[in-house]
Protein backbone atom coordinates (compact mmCIF):
# COMPACT_ATOMS: atom_id res chain seq x y z
CA UNK A 1 -24.62 28.35 -17.11
CA UNK A 2 -25.97 25.49 -16.28
CA UNK A 3 -24.68 22.50 -13.76
CA UNK A 4 -25.92 19.36 -15.65
CA UNK A 5 -23.08 18.45 -16.97
CA UNK A 6 -21.56 18.50 -13.75
CA UNK A 7 -24.81 16.35 -12.35
CA UNK A 8 -24.16 14.00 -14.25
CA UNK A 9 -20.31 13.38 -14.48
CA UNK A 10 -18.97 10.86 -12.42
CA UNK A 11 -18.45 11.08 -8.52
CA UNK A 12 -15.11 11.82 -8.25
CA UNK A 13 -15.48 14.07 -10.62
CA UNK A 14 -17.77 16.09 -8.82
CA UNK A 15 -15.91 15.63 -5.63
CA UNK A 16 -13.38 17.08 -7.42
CA UNK A 17 -14.71 20.14 -9.20
CA UNK A 18 -16.54 20.60 -5.36
CA UNK A 19 -13.22 20.86 -3.60
CA UNK A 20 -11.53 22.98 -6.19
CA UNK A 21 -14.61 25.02 -6.36
CA UNK A 22 -14.16 25.59 -1.97
CA UNK A 23 -10.75 25.88 -2.15
CA UNK A 24 -10.87 28.68 -4.86
CA UNK A 25 -13.15 30.69 -2.60
CA UNK A 26 -11.24 29.37 0.62
CA UNK A 27 -8.24 30.39 -0.95
CA UNK A 28 -9.39 35.00 -2.07
CA UNK A 29 -11.09 34.65 1.63
CA UNK A 30 -7.88 34.01 3.28
CA UNK A 31 -5.66 36.35 2.11
CA UNK A 32 -7.90 38.69 3.23
CA UNK A 33 -8.08 37.63 6.99
CA UNK A 34 -5.33 38.86 9.20
CA UNK A 35 -2.49 36.24 9.22
CA UNK A 36 -0.94 33.85 12.05
CA UNK A 37 -3.94 33.55 14.68
CA UNK A 38 -6.56 30.87 14.83
CA UNK A 39 -8.88 31.69 12.27
CA UNK A 40 -6.10 31.92 9.48
CA UNK A 41 -4.78 28.89 10.77
CA UNK A 42 -8.27 26.81 11.09
CA UNK A 43 -9.43 27.84 7.51
CA UNK A 44 -5.25 27.39 6.22
CA UNK A 45 -6.28 23.82 7.67
CA UNK A 46 -9.43 23.38 5.93
CA UNK A 47 -7.61 24.72 2.94
CA UNK A 48 -4.92 22.35 2.80
CA UNK A 49 -7.12 19.56 3.16
CA UNK A 50 -9.45 20.49 0.05
CA UNK A 51 -6.22 21.01 -1.81
CA UNK A 52 -5.11 17.28 -1.10
CA UNK A 53 -8.22 16.30 -1.85
CA UNK A 54 -8.30 18.33 -4.91
CA UNK A 55 -4.88 16.45 -5.72
CA UNK A 56 -5.65 12.81 -4.63
CA UNK A 57 -9.56 13.10 -6.82
CA UNK A 58 -7.62 13.64 -9.85
CA UNK A 59 -6.26 10.09 -10.11
CA UNK A 60 -8.96 9.21 -10.81
CA UNK A 61 -9.99 11.04 -13.51
CA UNK A 62 -8.16 9.50 -16.59
CA UNK A 63 -10.09 11.73 -19.44
CA UNK A 64 -6.83 13.21 -20.66
CA UNK A 65 -4.53 10.06 -20.87
CA UNK A 66 -0.77 10.59 -22.54
CA UNK A 67 0.60 7.82 -20.33
CA UNK A 68 -1.35 5.11 -19.50
CA UNK A 69 -4.14 6.32 -17.30
CA UNK A 70 -2.14 9.37 -16.67
CA UNK A 71 -1.75 13.17 -17.97
CA UNK A 72 0.45 16.19 -17.26
CA UNK A 73 -2.48 16.93 -14.74
CA UNK A 74 -1.57 13.92 -12.25
CA UNK A 75 1.97 15.44 -12.13
CA UNK A 76 0.80 18.77 -11.05
CA UNK A 77 -0.57 16.76 -8.84
CA UNK A 78 1.62 15.14 -7.41
CA UNK A 79 3.97 18.56 -7.08
CA UNK A 80 1.06 19.43 -5.39
CA UNK A 81 0.68 17.24 -2.68
CA UNK A 82 4.90 17.76 -2.26
CA UNK A 83 4.44 21.64 -2.40
CA UNK A 84 1.29 21.38 0.49
CA UNK A 85 3.96 19.32 2.68
CA UNK A 86 6.10 21.79 1.97
CA UNK A 87 4.19 25.04 2.73
CA UNK A 88 2.99 23.40 5.99
CA UNK A 89 6.48 22.58 7.24
CA UNK A 90 7.73 26.41 6.34
CA UNK A 91 4.60 27.70 8.75
CA UNK A 92 5.64 25.13 11.30
CA UNK A 93 9.45 26.49 11.12
CA UNK A 94 8.14 29.92 11.07
CA UNK A 95 9.57 30.80 7.88
CA UNK A 96 6.77 32.89 6.88
CA UNK A 97 7.84 34.26 3.92
CA UNK A 98 8.48 30.88 2.34
CA UNK A 99 4.95 29.64 3.48
CA UNK A 100 3.20 32.79 1.87
CA UNK A 101 4.84 32.45 -1.17
CA UNK A 102 4.09 28.58 -1.62
CA UNK A 103 0.70 29.28 -0.91
CA UNK A 104 0.18 31.86 -3.29
CA UNK A 105 1.98 29.78 -5.89
CA UNK A 106 -0.25 26.87 -4.58
CA UNK A 107 -3.18 29.39 -5.24
CA UNK A 108 -2.56 30.66 -8.38
CA UNK A 109 -1.18 27.59 -9.98
CA UNK A 110 -2.75 24.68 -8.70
CA UNK A 111 -6.53 26.86 -8.68
CA UNK A 112 -6.50 29.92 -10.84
CA UNK A 113 -4.67 28.63 -13.65
CA UNK A 114 -5.46 25.11 -13.72
CA UNK A 115 -9.46 26.31 -13.35
CA UNK A 116 -8.71 27.77 -16.48
CA UNK A 117 -7.72 25.22 -18.64
CA UNK A 118 -11.10 23.28 -17.25
CA UNK A 119 -13.25 26.09 -18.96
CA UNK A 120 -11.90 25.18 -22.73
CA UNK A 121 -14.02 23.54 -25.15
CA UNK A 122 -15.19 19.71 -24.40
CA UNK A 123 -14.15 19.94 -21.14
CA UNK A 124 -17.26 19.53 -18.36
CA UNK A 125 -16.69 23.30 -16.68
CA UNK A 126 -16.68 24.19 -20.09
CA UNK A 127 -20.02 23.01 -20.42
CA UNK A 128 -21.11 24.07 -17.14
CA UNK A 129 -19.83 27.94 -17.17
CA UNK A 130 -20.55 28.43 -21.39
CA UNK A 131 -23.14 25.84 -21.72
């Protein structure tokens, strides 16, 4: 394992990766905390901000070009931003089951599954983890 490929990457990729890793860790912690109290809400706001940063920073990354400078990943970023808004709206409207499932879906789909794709050969995080 070496951080060198990430340290040599563009600043937008470094910000994107750092925000994604922070969101991955914070999200895992969030699942274990009591819900509905101040700490959960504060960490949730931070997590939503990190996820928005991950999604927005993806638009500055154009390594996989399928339609102009964009790829299917950018479609996922648009979906993620919309789902974040919806998940927060669910919490504010006290639709807690919908909020919970939206957040779990975002965590698993936009972080875990997508994060696994970054480990493929030839990708920066693949080089970081596997050398």
